[in-house]
Structure formats: C-alpha cells, structure tokens
Amino acid sequence: MANRAIWSMKKRHEWLATPLKAKRIKRAVRVRCGLQDAIDRRAGTTPTTEG
C-alpha cells in the first residue's frame, strides 16, 4: 500500500504535463458574456447587430 500514494502522485503530474483541451462554448453563451465581441475584434471583422 505504500506505493499507492507515490503512483497516484506520479500519474497526477503526468496528467498535469499534458495541455488541457479547450472547452467548446456555444455562440449564444459567448455573446452573452461578451466573448464573441472580443473574438470579432481580434479577427478584424465588425460585428453585425441584428434586431
């Protein structure tokens, strides 16, 4: 049982070494929190306001 903690620590560090996959966020959520505006500004396009 003594090796269990060492093994889990090793596995935890190996897991932290790999980069996390970006979470998929729906466009409606991005618009609501203002993230879509930032993405549009970075892309250089002007956001179209409909409504």
C-alpha atoms as a PDB file:
ATOM      1  CA  MET A   1       0.000   0.000   0.000  1.00  0.00           C
ATOM      2  CA  ALA A   2       2.986   2.293   0.410  1.00  0.00           C
ATOM      3  CA  ASN A   3       3.466   2.617  -3.351  1.00  0.00           C
ATOM      4  CA  ARG A   4      -0.102   3.737  -3.934  1.00  0.00           C
ATOM      5  CA  ALA A   5       0.384   7.395  -2.969  1.00  0.00           C
ATOM      6  CA  ILE A   6       3.621   7.651  -4.952  1.00  0.00           C
ATOM      7  CA  TRP A   7       1.955   6.129  -8.025  1.00  0.00           C
ATOM      8  CA  SER A   8      -1.025   8.465  -7.826  1.00  0.00           C
ATOM      9  CA  MET A   9       1.282  11.468  -7.426  1.00  0.00           C
ATOM     10  CA  LYS A  10       3.282  10.369 -10.467  1.00  0.00           C
ATOM     11  CA  LYS A  11       0.115   9.917 -12.520  1.00  0.00           C
ATOM     12  CA  ARG A  12      -1.182  13.289 -11.367  1.00  0.00           C
ATOM     13  CA  HIS A  13       1.988  15.033 -12.534  1.00  0.00           C
ATOM     14  CA  GLU A  14       1.897  13.218 -15.871  1.00  0.00           C
ATOM     15  CA  TRP A  15      -1.710  14.377 -16.292  1.00  0.00           C
ATOM     16  CA  LEU A  16      -0.777  17.964 -15.463  1.00  0.00           C
ATOM     17  CA  ALA A  17       2.051  17.877 -18.007  1.00  0.00           C
ATOM     18  CA  THR A  18      -0.394  17.431 -20.893  1.00  0.00           C
ATOM     19  CA  PRO A  19      -2.198  20.593 -22.051  1.00  0.00           C
ATOM     20  CA  LEU A  20      -5.939  20.751 -21.489  1.00  0.00           C
ATOM     21  CA  LYS A  21      -8.301  20.619 -24.425  1.00  0.00           C
ATOM     22  CA  ALA A  22     -10.183  23.894 -24.940  1.00  0.00           C
ATOM     23  CA  LYS A  23     -13.817  23.731 -23.903  1.00  0.00           C
ATOM     24  CA  ARG A  24     -16.418  24.193 -26.630  1.00  0.00           C
ATOM     25  CA  ILE A  25     -18.601  27.213 -25.907  1.00  0.00           C
ATOM     26  CA  LYS A  26     -21.777  27.839 -27.876  1.00  0.00           C
ATOM     27  CA  ARG A  27     -22.074  31.155 -29.714  1.00  0.00           C
ATOM     28  CA  ALA A  28     -25.049  32.280 -27.606  1.00  0.00           C
ATOM     29  CA  VAL A  29     -23.007  31.900 -24.418  1.00  0.00           C
ATOM     30  CA  ARG A  30     -20.071  33.763 -25.971  1.00  0.00           C
ATOM     31  CA  VAL A  31     -22.371  36.637 -26.982  1.00  0.00           C
ATOM     32  CA  ARG A  32     -23.948  36.783 -23.531  1.00  0.00           C
ATOM     33  CA  CYS A  33     -20.646  37.082 -21.680  1.00  0.00           C
ATOM     34  CA  GLY A  34     -19.071  39.430 -24.251  1.00  0.00           C
ATOM     35  CA  LEU A  35     -16.509  36.956 -25.515  1.00  0.00           C
ATOM     36  CA  GLN A  36     -17.815  36.956 -29.081  1.00  0.00           C
ATOM     37  CA  ASP A  37     -17.186  40.705 -29.386  1.00  0.00           C
ATOM     38  CA  ALA A  38     -13.561  40.147 -28.381  1.00  0.00           C
ATOM     39  CA  ILE A  39     -13.201  37.331 -30.926  1.00  0.00           C
ATOM     40  CA  ASP A  40     -14.670  39.551 -33.635  1.00  0.00           C
ATOM     41  CA  ARG A  41     -12.314  42.395 -32.720  1.00  0.00           C
ATOM     42  CA  ARG A  42      -9.328  40.062 -32.850  1.00  0.00           C
ATOM     43  CA  ALA A  43     -10.409  38.738 -36.260  1.00  0.00           C
ATOM     44  CA  GLY A  44     -10.745  42.304 -37.552  1.00  0.00           C
ATOM     45  CA  THR A  45     -14.383  41.999 -38.557  1.00  0.00           C
ATOM     46  CA  THR A  46     -17.114  44.342 -37.414  1.00  0.00           C
ATOM     47  CA  PRO A  47     -19.906  42.575 -35.548  1.00  0.00           C
ATOM     48  CA  THR A  48     -23.295  42.920 -37.174  1.00  0.00           C
ATOM     49  CA  THR A  49     -26.124  43.894 -34.879  1.00  0.00           C
ATOM     50  CA  GLU A  50     -29.419  42.325 -35.851  1.00  0.00           C
ATOM     51  CA  GLY A  51     -32.747  43.100 -34.328  1.00  0.00           C
END
